[in-house]
């Protein structure tokens, strides 16, 4: 099989992944191929076990067309979601099903020159332990914090690599598998656009509430990355005159008053100052940052007044930043996603209050604010989507072939 045919089949696979099911006509229209060509490609993919028939589509008249979807057992992706302290790994099938749960490892990124080697070792162990044949794994998608140069496979903030190596080249050599990386907030936005609350909205802002406050931008139906790929550094808008040092080295950034780290620290300060709160009974001082953040969300959902006030203050400050986005970009909707979306609708009132106070009504009246429906899984789904966005690549598609077909190809 020549490379052109690999890529044509990969294009069909990509559309089926994002659309779920397609008829031959729909595949033809999406891929820009003639109906006979699309039908031939689909039939070959059926013969190879990569597609399955899924019944008949609805019809307004005449014969109902046969529909197809990806066979989940023959196409798997290793999906990785990293933050500065914890890395999550999972194996996903073609329907974004988590096949063996999510595995968490403690992997500190700041000031850790060995982080890339540690990540490679963890991935190698995970690949071996997951029990899936390597020829069924189409690739590894990784979301990570920091300034990511997608084209060069580099992270300018974390995960330093040996001279002459990129993160991608280093991991591909170690793991013998295609690897793709991207900024965590960009992947969360990709997941929301393809499968979540931003689906069907071509102009959306996806706010990643985590240890910082990231942003993924979907403009005119495409991810917007800016001139050199670093667009969306929402955390570092200089919005406050608080003289607080940000992780970027500047002062007064949005992050200094809005991140989950700020929320946890303010909660501890409140306990120390004698605020009446149920938090004093559960010992968040001894918890990890992640445990403390989720404990805060749980107590807020029970109505703890202090925690609700704290979330309200942080939500209002996030809303101030969103007001700037609305004035500049006029999005149709803003999605609150990432780890912090676990607080649910508690964010909506304070965010909307800030928008009401700081936005020109005519500009903001058509911009809605929603909480993610896929939440903390968004980055893992986005990492899988990153791999599938690139599935038409010749070398990736080859990993879908069975060993028998590979031998026949090489013999030819």
Protein backbone atom coordinates (compact mmCIF):
# COMPACT_ATOMS: atom_id res chain seq x y z
CA UNK A 1 0.00 0.00 0.00
CA UNK A 2 1.43 3.36 -0.97
CA UNK A 3 1.62 6.37 1.33
CA UNK A 4 -1.22 8.19 -0.46
CA UNK A 5 -3.62 5.34 0.25
CA UNK A 6 -2.48 5.22 3.90
CA UNK A 7 -3.31 8.88 4.26
CA UNK A 8 -6.68 8.55 2.51
CA UNK A 9 -7.70 5.82 4.91
CA UNK A 10 -6.34 7.82 7.82
CA UNK A 11 -8.57 10.73 6.79
CA UNK A 12 -11.64 8.48 6.89
CA UNK A 13 -10.59 7.20 10.32
CA UNK A 14 -10.14 10.74 11.62
CA UNK A 15 -13.62 11.83 10.56
CA UNK A 16 -15.20 8.71 12.02
CA UNK A 17 -13.46 9.28 15.33
CA UNK A 18 -14.80 12.80 15.71
CA UNK A 19 -18.26 12.17 14.20
CA UNK A 20 -18.93 8.76 15.76
CA UNK A 21 -20.82 7.26 12.83
CA UNK A 22 -20.93 8.10 9.12
CA UNK A 23 -22.48 6.81 5.96
CA UNK A 24 -20.42 6.49 2.78
CA UNK A 25 -21.97 9.70 1.46
CA UNK A 26 -21.18 11.62 4.66
CA UNK A 27 -17.60 10.31 4.61
CA UNK A 28 -17.32 11.39 1.00
CA UNK A 29 -18.52 14.92 1.76
CA UNK A 30 -16.32 15.38 4.85
CA UNK A 31 -13.17 13.98 3.26
CA UNK A 32 -13.66 15.64 -0.14
CA UNK A 33 -13.36 12.30 -1.90
CA UNK A 34 -15.70 10.97 -4.57
CA UNK A 35 -18.45 8.65 -3.37
CA UNK A 36 -16.97 5.60 -5.16
CA UNK A 37 -13.54 6.31 -3.66
CA UNK A 38 -14.92 6.82 -0.14
CA UNK A 39 -16.98 3.62 -0.46
CA UNK A 40 -13.92 1.66 -1.57
CA UNK A 41 -11.86 2.97 1.35
CA UNK A 42 -14.59 2.13 3.84
CA UNK A 43 -14.94 -1.40 2.46
CA UNK A 44 -11.20 -1.97 2.76
CA UNK A 45 -11.22 -0.68 6.34
CA UNK A 46 -14.09 -3.06 7.08
CA UNK A 47 -12.07 -5.96 5.70
CA UNK A 48 -9.13 -4.94 7.88
CA UNK A 49 -11.31 -4.91 11.01
CA UNK A 50 -10.81 -1.20 11.65
CA UNK A 51 -14.46 -0.30 10.95
CA UNK A 52 -17.75 -1.99 11.85
CA UNK A 53 -21.27 -1.57 10.49
CA UNK A 54 -23.58 0.25 12.91
CA UNK A 55 -26.99 -0.04 11.28
CA UNK A 56 -28.93 2.26 9.02
CA UNK A 57 -29.23 6.04 9.18
CA UNK A 58 -32.53 7.90 9.28
CA UNK A 59 -33.90 8.75 5.86
CA UNK A 60 -36.42 11.28 4.62
CA UNK A 61 -37.31 8.97 1.77
CA UNK A 62 -35.83 6.13 -0.22
CA UNK A 63 -33.36 3.55 0.93
CA UNK A 64 -31.69 4.20 4.26
CA UNK A 65 -27.89 4.32 4.03
CA UNK A 66 -25.63 1.96 5.98
CA UNK A 67 -23.56 3.67 8.66
CA UNK A 68 -20.12 2.79 10.03
CA UNK A 69 -18.01 3.49 13.09
CA UNK A 70 -14.53 2.64 14.31
CA UNK A 71 -14.08 -0.79 15.85
CA UNK A 72 -13.02 -0.01 19.43
CA UNK A 73 -10.95 -3.16 19.86
CA UNK A 74 -8.55 -2.39 17.01
CA UNK A 75 -7.59 1.20 17.71
CA UNK A 76 -6.26 2.38 21.06
CA UNK A 77 -4.55 5.57 22.22
CA UNK A 78 -2.40 6.21 25.28
CA UNK A 79 -3.53 9.51 26.73
CA UNK A 80 -1.47 11.52 29.22
CA UNK A 81 -2.55 14.57 31.23
CA UNK A 82 0.18 16.37 33.14
CA UNK A 83 0.12 19.19 35.64
CA UNK A 84 3.06 20.52 37.60
CA UNK A 85 2.83 17.78 40.23
CA UNK A 86 0.67 14.86 39.07
CA UNK A 87 0.55 12.96 35.78
CA UNK A 88 -2.43 10.85 34.76
CA UNK A 89 -2.24 8.06 32.19
CA UNK A 90 -4.97 6.02 30.57
CA UNK A 91 -5.58 3.74 27.61
CA UNK A 92 -8.56 4.79 25.49
CA UNK A 93 -10.45 3.13 22.67
CA UNK A 94 -11.95 4.66 19.54
CA UNK A 95 -15.09 5.73 21.45
CA UNK A 96 -13.06 7.57 24.13
CA UNK A 97 -13.75 4.83 26.64
CA UNK A 98 -11.17 4.53 29.44
CA UNK A 99 -10.16 0.88 29.15
CA UNK A 100 -8.36 0.28 32.42
CA UNK A 101 -9.11 3.31 34.54
CA UNK A 102 -6.81 6.26 35.11
CA UNK A 103 -3.38 5.76 36.66
CA UNK A 104 -1.79 8.60 38.60
CA UNK A 105 1.89 9.13 39.26
CA UNK A 106 3.67 11.77 41.28
CA UNK A 107 5.89 13.61 38.82
CA UNK A 108 7.12 17.07 39.77
CA UNK A 109 7.93 19.28 36.79
CA UNK A 110 9.36 22.52 38.28
CA UNK A 111 13.13 22.39 38.81
CA UNK A 112 13.30 18.72 37.84
CA UNK A 113 15.91 18.07 35.11
CA UNK A 114 15.12 14.34 35.19
CA UNK A 115 11.40 14.81 34.50
CA UNK A 116 11.56 13.68 30.85
CA UNK A 117 13.42 10.48 31.76
CA UNK A 118 10.99 9.77 34.57
CA UNK A 119 8.06 10.28 32.20
CA UNK A 120 9.59 7.90 29.64
CA UNK A 121 10.09 5.24 32.32
CA UNK A 122 6.52 5.58 33.58
CA UNK A 123 5.14 5.36 30.04
CA UNK A 124 7.23 2.29 29.24
CA UNK A 125 5.94 0.57 32.36
CA UNK A 126 2.36 1.60 31.58
CA UNK A 127 2.55 0.31 28.00
CA UNK A 128 3.86 -3.02 29.26
CA UNK A 129 1.27 -3.33 32.03
CA UNK A 130 -1.83 -2.35 30.06
CA UNK A 131 -1.82 -5.64 28.16
CA UNK A 132 -2.70 -4.20 24.75
CA UNK A 133 -0.67 -5.36 21.71
CA UNK A 134 1.55 -2.53 20.55
CA UNK A 135 0.29 -2.74 16.98
CA UNK A 136 -3.16 -1.72 18.25
CA UNK A 137 -1.86 1.47 19.89
CA UNK A 138 -2.01 4.27 17.33
CA UNK A 139 0.05 6.72 19.36
CA UNK A 140 0.61 8.66 22.58
CA UNK A 141 -0.94 12.08 23.18
CA UNK A 142 0.40 14.24 26.01
CA UNK A 143 -1.02 17.43 27.48
CA UNK A 144 1.33 19.45 29.66
CA UNK A 145 1.60 22.90 31.21
CA UNK A 146 4.03 25.49 29.92
CA UNK A 147 5.01 27.23 26.70
CA UNK A 148 4.72 24.45 24.12
CA UNK A 149 6.20 24.66 20.64
CA UNK A 150 4.04 22.04 18.93
CA UNK A 151 5.94 22.14 15.64
CA UNK A 152 9.30 21.47 17.32
CA UNK A 153 8.02 19.19 20.08
CA UNK A 154 9.46 21.36 22.85
CA UNK A 155 8.28 22.69 26.20
CA UNK A 156 10.07 25.94 27.03
CA UNK A 157 8.89 25.85 30.66
CA UNK A 158 9.35 22.24 31.82
CA UNK A 159 10.77 18.85 30.77
CA UNK A 160 14.27 19.81 29.58
CA UNK A 161 15.73 17.38 27.06
CA UNK A 162 19.28 16.33 26.13
CA UNK A 163 21.02 18.58 23.56
CA UNK A 164 19.67 18.08 20.06
CA UNK A 165 16.56 16.26 21.27
CA UNK A 166 12.94 17.36 21.51
CA UNK A 167 10.42 15.87 23.92
CA UNK A 168 8.79 14.11 20.99
CA UNK A 169 12.00 12.67 19.51
CA UNK A 170 13.27 11.60 22.95
CA UNK A 171 10.06 9.74 23.83
CA UNK A 172 9.62 8.21 20.37
CA UNK A 173 13.13 6.73 20.55
CA UNK A 174 12.53 5.39 24.05
CA UNK A 175 9.04 4.01 23.39
CA UNK A 176 9.12 3.18 19.65
CA UNK A 177 5.72 4.79 19.17
CA UNK A 178 4.37 8.06 17.69
CA UNK A 179 4.16 10.84 20.28
CA UNK A 180 2.33 14.19 20.15
CA UNK A 181 2.42 16.97 22.73
CA UNK A 182 0.45 20.14 23.27
CA UNK A 183 -0.39 22.68 25.96
CA UNK A 184 -2.89 21.33 28.49
CA UNK A 185 -5.35 24.20 28.02
CA UNK A 186 -5.28 23.81 24.24
CA UNK A 187 -6.12 20.11 24.56
CA UNK A 188 -8.92 20.82 27.02
CA UNK A 189 -10.37 23.28 24.49
CA UNK A 190 -10.01 20.69 21.71
CA UNK A 191 -11.92 18.13 23.80
CA UNK A 192 -14.66 20.61 24.66
CA UNK A 193 -15.01 21.62 21.00
CA UNK A 194 -15.15 18.08 19.64
CA UNK A 195 -17.02 16.28 22.44
CA UNK A 196 -18.06 18.71 25.16
CA UNK A 197 -19.92 21.92 25.94
CA UNK A 198 -18.33 23.88 23.06
CA UNK A 199 -19.41 21.36 20.39
CA UNK A 200 -21.20 23.21 17.62
CA UNK A 201 -19.89 26.61 18.70
CA UNK A 202 -17.14 27.80 16.33
CA UNK A 203 -16.19 30.83 18.46
CA UNK A 204 -15.61 29.65 22.02
CA UNK A 205 -13.26 30.40 24.88
CA UNK A 206 -12.42 27.45 27.14
CA UNK A 207 -11.03 28.47 30.54
CA UNK A 208 -8.91 25.83 32.26
CA UNK A 209 -9.24 26.36 36.02
CA UNK A 210 -6.30 24.61 37.65
CA UNK A 211 -3.09 25.49 39.47
CA UNK A 212 -3.03 28.38 37.01
CA UNK A 213 -5.86 29.65 34.81
CA UNK A 214 -5.29 28.63 31.21
CA UNK A 215 -7.20 29.38 28.04
CA UNK A 216 -7.91 27.53 24.82
CA UNK A 217 -9.39 29.59 21.98
CA UNK A 218 -11.59 28.27 19.19
CA UNK A 219 -12.03 30.89 16.49
CA UNK A 220 -13.95 30.27 13.27
CA UNK A 221 -14.06 26.57 14.07
CA UNK A 222 -10.30 26.14 14.53
CA UNK A 223 -7.87 26.21 17.43
CA UNK A 224 -6.16 29.58 17.58
CA UNK A 225 -2.53 29.48 18.68
CA UNK A 226 -1.20 32.90 17.73
CA UNK A 227 1.94 33.87 15.85
CA UNK A 228 4.37 31.47 17.51
CA UNK A 229 2.00 29.09 19.26
CA UNK A 230 1.81 30.76 22.67
CA UNK A 231 -1.63 32.40 22.45
CA UNK A 232 -3.96 31.88 25.41
CA UNK A 233 -1.75 32.74 28.39
CA UNK A 234 -4.81 33.93 30.26
CA UNK A 235 -3.12 33.48 33.65
CA UNK A 236 -0.68 36.26 32.93
CA UNK A 237 -2.97 39.15 32.07
CA UNK A 238 -1.70 41.94 34.40
CA UNK A 239 -5.02 42.79 36.00
CA UNK A 240 -4.33 43.40 39.72
CA UNK A 241 -2.32 45.97 41.68
CA UNK A 242 -1.69 43.52 44.52
CA UNK A 243 2.12 43.39 44.25
CA UNK A 244 1.90 39.57 44.39
CA UNK A 245 4.60 37.69 42.50
CA UNK A 246 3.32 35.35 39.81
CA UNK A 247 4.99 32.11 38.71
CA UNK A 248 6.00 33.91 35.49
CA UNK A 249 8.12 36.39 37.46
CA UNK A 250 5.78 39.36 36.99
CA UNK A 251 3.41 40.85 39.56
CA UNK A 252 -0.35 41.30 39.55
CA UNK A 253 -1.20 38.57 37.03
CA UNK A 254 -4.68 37.07 36.95
CA UNK A 255 -3.22 33.83 38.32
CA UNK A 256 -2.25 35.51 41.60
CA UNK A 257 -5.93 35.84 42.60
CA UNK A 258 -7.72 33.07 40.71
CA UNK A 259 -5.91 29.70 40.70
CA UNK A 260 -6.85 26.67 42.78
CA UNK A 261 -3.53 27.07 44.56
CA UNK A 262 -4.64 30.54 45.66
CA UNK A 263 -7.98 29.11 46.75
CA UNK A 264 -6.33 26.45 48.94
CA UNK A 265 -3.87 28.95 50.47
CA UNK A 266 -6.65 31.41 51.28
CA UNK A 267 -8.65 28.61 52.88
CA UNK A 268 -5.70 27.75 55.13
CA UNK A 269 -5.28 31.41 56.02
CA UNK A 270 -8.96 31.59 56.92
CA UNK A 271 -8.68 28.57 59.21
CA UNK A 272 -5.61 30.07 60.90
CA UNK A 273 -7.41 33.37 61.48
CA UNK A 274 -10.31 31.62 63.18
CA UNK A 275 -12.97 31.68 60.45
CA UNK A 276 -15.93 29.46 61.24
CA UNK A 277 -15.82 26.66 58.68
CA UNK A 278 -16.18 22.91 58.44
CA UNK A 279 -12.70 22.87 56.88
CA UNK A 280 -11.20 23.10 60.36
CA UNK A 281 -12.64 19.65 61.11
CA UNK A 282 -11.25 17.79 58.09
CA UNK A 283 -7.59 18.84 58.29
CA UNK A 284 -6.87 20.31 54.86
CA UNK A 285 -3.53 21.55 56.22
CA UNK A 286 -2.24 17.97 56.00
CA UNK A 287 -3.65 17.27 52.54
CA UNK A 288 -1.95 17.55 49.18
CA UNK A 289 -2.98 20.52 47.04
CA UNK A 290 -5.23 18.35 44.93
CA UNK A 291 -6.89 16.70 47.93
CA UNK A 292 -7.42 20.08 49.57
CA UNK A 293 -8.96 21.57 46.42
CA UNK A 294 -11.50 18.76 46.09
CA UNK A 295 -12.24 18.96 49.81
CA UNK A 296 -13.06 22.63 49.32
CA UNK A 297 -15.40 21.82 46.44
CA UNK A 298 -17.14 19.17 48.57
CA UNK A 299 -17.66 21.54 51.51
CA UNK A 300 -18.88 24.30 49.20
CA UNK A 301 -21.49 21.93 47.74
CA UNK A 302 -22.70 21.31 51.31
CA UNK A 303 -23.16 25.02 51.82
CA UNK A 304 -20.13 25.96 53.95
CA UNK A 305 -20.45 29.75 53.97
CA UNK A 306 -16.73 30.52 54.15
CA UNK A 307 -15.86 28.21 51.23
CA UNK A 308 -18.76 29.50 49.12
CA UNK A 309 -17.52 33.05 49.75
CA UNK A 310 -14.01 31.99 48.77
CA UNK A 311 -15.17 30.41 45.51
CA UNK A 312 -17.30 33.48 44.89
CA UNK A 313 -14.28 35.78 45.25
CA UNK A 314 -12.12 33.69 42.93
CA UNK A 315 -14.97 33.22 40.45
CA UNK A 316 -15.55 36.97 40.35
CA UNK A 317 -11.87 37.56 39.55
CA UNK A 318 -11.98 34.94 36.79
CA UNK A 319 -15.03 36.79 35.47
CA UNK A 320 -13.03 40.01 35.35
CA UNK A 321 -10.53 38.31 33.08
CA UNK A 322 -13.32 36.83 30.96
CA UNK A 323 -14.79 40.31 30.55
CA UNK A 324 -11.57 41.33 28.80
CA UNK A 325 -11.86 38.32 26.46
CA UNK A 326 -15.45 39.20 25.61
CA UNK A 327 -14.51 42.76 24.71
CA UNK A 328 -11.66 41.66 22.47
CA UNK A 329 -12.97 38.44 20.90
CA UNK A 330 -16.78 38.54 21.27
CA UNK A 331 -17.15 34.74 21.71
CA UNK A 332 -20.48 32.92 21.55
CA UNK A 333 -19.75 31.04 24.75
CA UNK A 334 -17.22 30.60 27.52
CA UNK A 335 -16.71 27.13 29.01
CA UNK A 336 -15.27 26.70 32.52
CA UNK A 337 -13.33 23.45 32.33
CA UNK A 338 -10.37 21.58 33.77
CA UNK A 339 -9.83 20.42 37.34
CA UNK A 340 -11.71 23.36 38.83
CA UNK A 341 -14.92 22.54 36.96
CA UNK A 342 -15.58 20.01 39.74
CA UNK A 343 -17.10 22.95 41.66
CA UNK A 344 -19.85 22.98 39.04
CA UNK A 345 -22.43 25.71 38.94
CA UNK A 346 -20.99 27.43 42.01
CA UNK A 347 -18.75 29.34 39.57
CA UNK A 348 -21.54 30.71 37.42
CA UNK A 349 -23.07 33.40 39.62
CA UNK A 350 -19.81 35.18 40.56
CA UNK A 351 -18.40 34.92 37.02
CA UNK A 352 -21.60 36.32 35.55
CA UNK A 353 -21.66 39.09 38.18
CA UNK A 354 -18.20 40.24 37.07
CA UNK A 355 -19.20 40.11 33.41
CA UNK A 356 -22.30 42.17 34.14
CA UNK A 357 -20.25 44.79 35.97
CA UNK A 358 -17.28 45.00 33.62
CA UNK A 359 -18.67 44.35 30.12
CA UNK A 360 -20.54 46.65 27.77
CA UNK A 361 -23.98 44.98 27.71
CA UNK A 362 -24.37 44.98 23.93
CA UNK A 363 -21.07 43.13 23.51
CA UNK A 364 -21.72 40.59 26.27
CA UNK A 365 -25.41 39.90 25.69
CA UNK A 366 -24.81 37.03 23.25
CA UNK A 367 -21.93 35.42 25.21
CA UNK A 368 -23.02 32.64 27.53
CA UNK A 369 -21.03 31.01 30.35
CA UNK A 370 -21.31 27.26 30.96
CA UNK A 371 -19.52 24.64 33.07
CA UNK A 372 -17.87 21.72 31.32
CA UNK A 373 -19.79 18.49 30.93
CA UNK A 374 -16.60 16.39 30.72
CA UNK A 375 -14.70 18.14 33.52
CA UNK A 376 -11.40 16.73 34.67
CA UNK A 377 -11.43 14.13 31.88
CA UNK A 378 -11.20 16.89 29.27
CA UNK A 379 -7.40 16.91 29.07
CA UNK A 380 -7.22 13.12 28.67
CA UNK A 381 -9.87 13.20 25.93
CA UNK A 382 -8.05 16.12 24.32
CA UNK A 383 -4.76 14.22 24.34
CA UNK A 384 -6.44 11.30 22.58
CA UNK A 385 -8.00 13.73 20.11
CA UNK A 386 -4.56 15.15 19.39
CA UNK A 387 -3.38 11.73 18.24
CA UNK A 388 -6.49 11.20 16.14
CA UNK A 389 -6.18 14.64 14.56
CA UNK A 390 -2.93 13.34 13.10
CA UNK A 391 -4.05 9.80 12.29
CA UNK A 392 -3.84 10.33 8.54
CA UNK A 393 -0.07 10.54 8.87
CA UNK A 394 1.47 7.62 7.03
CA UNK A 395 3.61 6.31 9.86
CA UNK A 396 0.79 6.46 12.39
CA UNK A 397 -1.63 4.65 10.18
CA UNK A 398 0.87 1.85 9.73
CA UNK A 399 0.54 1.05 13.44
CA UNK A 400 -3.08 0.05 12.77
CA UNK A 401 -2.03 -2.73 10.45
CA UNK A 402 -1.93 -6.30 11.67
CA UNK A 403 1.41 -8.08 11.66
CA UNK A 404 0.27 -10.19 8.72
CA UNK A 405 -0.55 -7.16 6.63
CA UNK A 406 2.75 -5.54 7.56
CA UNK A 407 4.65 -8.61 6.35
CA UNK A 408 2.74 -8.55 3.06
CA UNK A 409 3.52 -4.83 2.64
CA UNK A 410 7.25 -5.30 3.21
CA UNK A 411 7.32 -8.34 0.92
CA UNK A 412 5.78 -6.30 -1.87
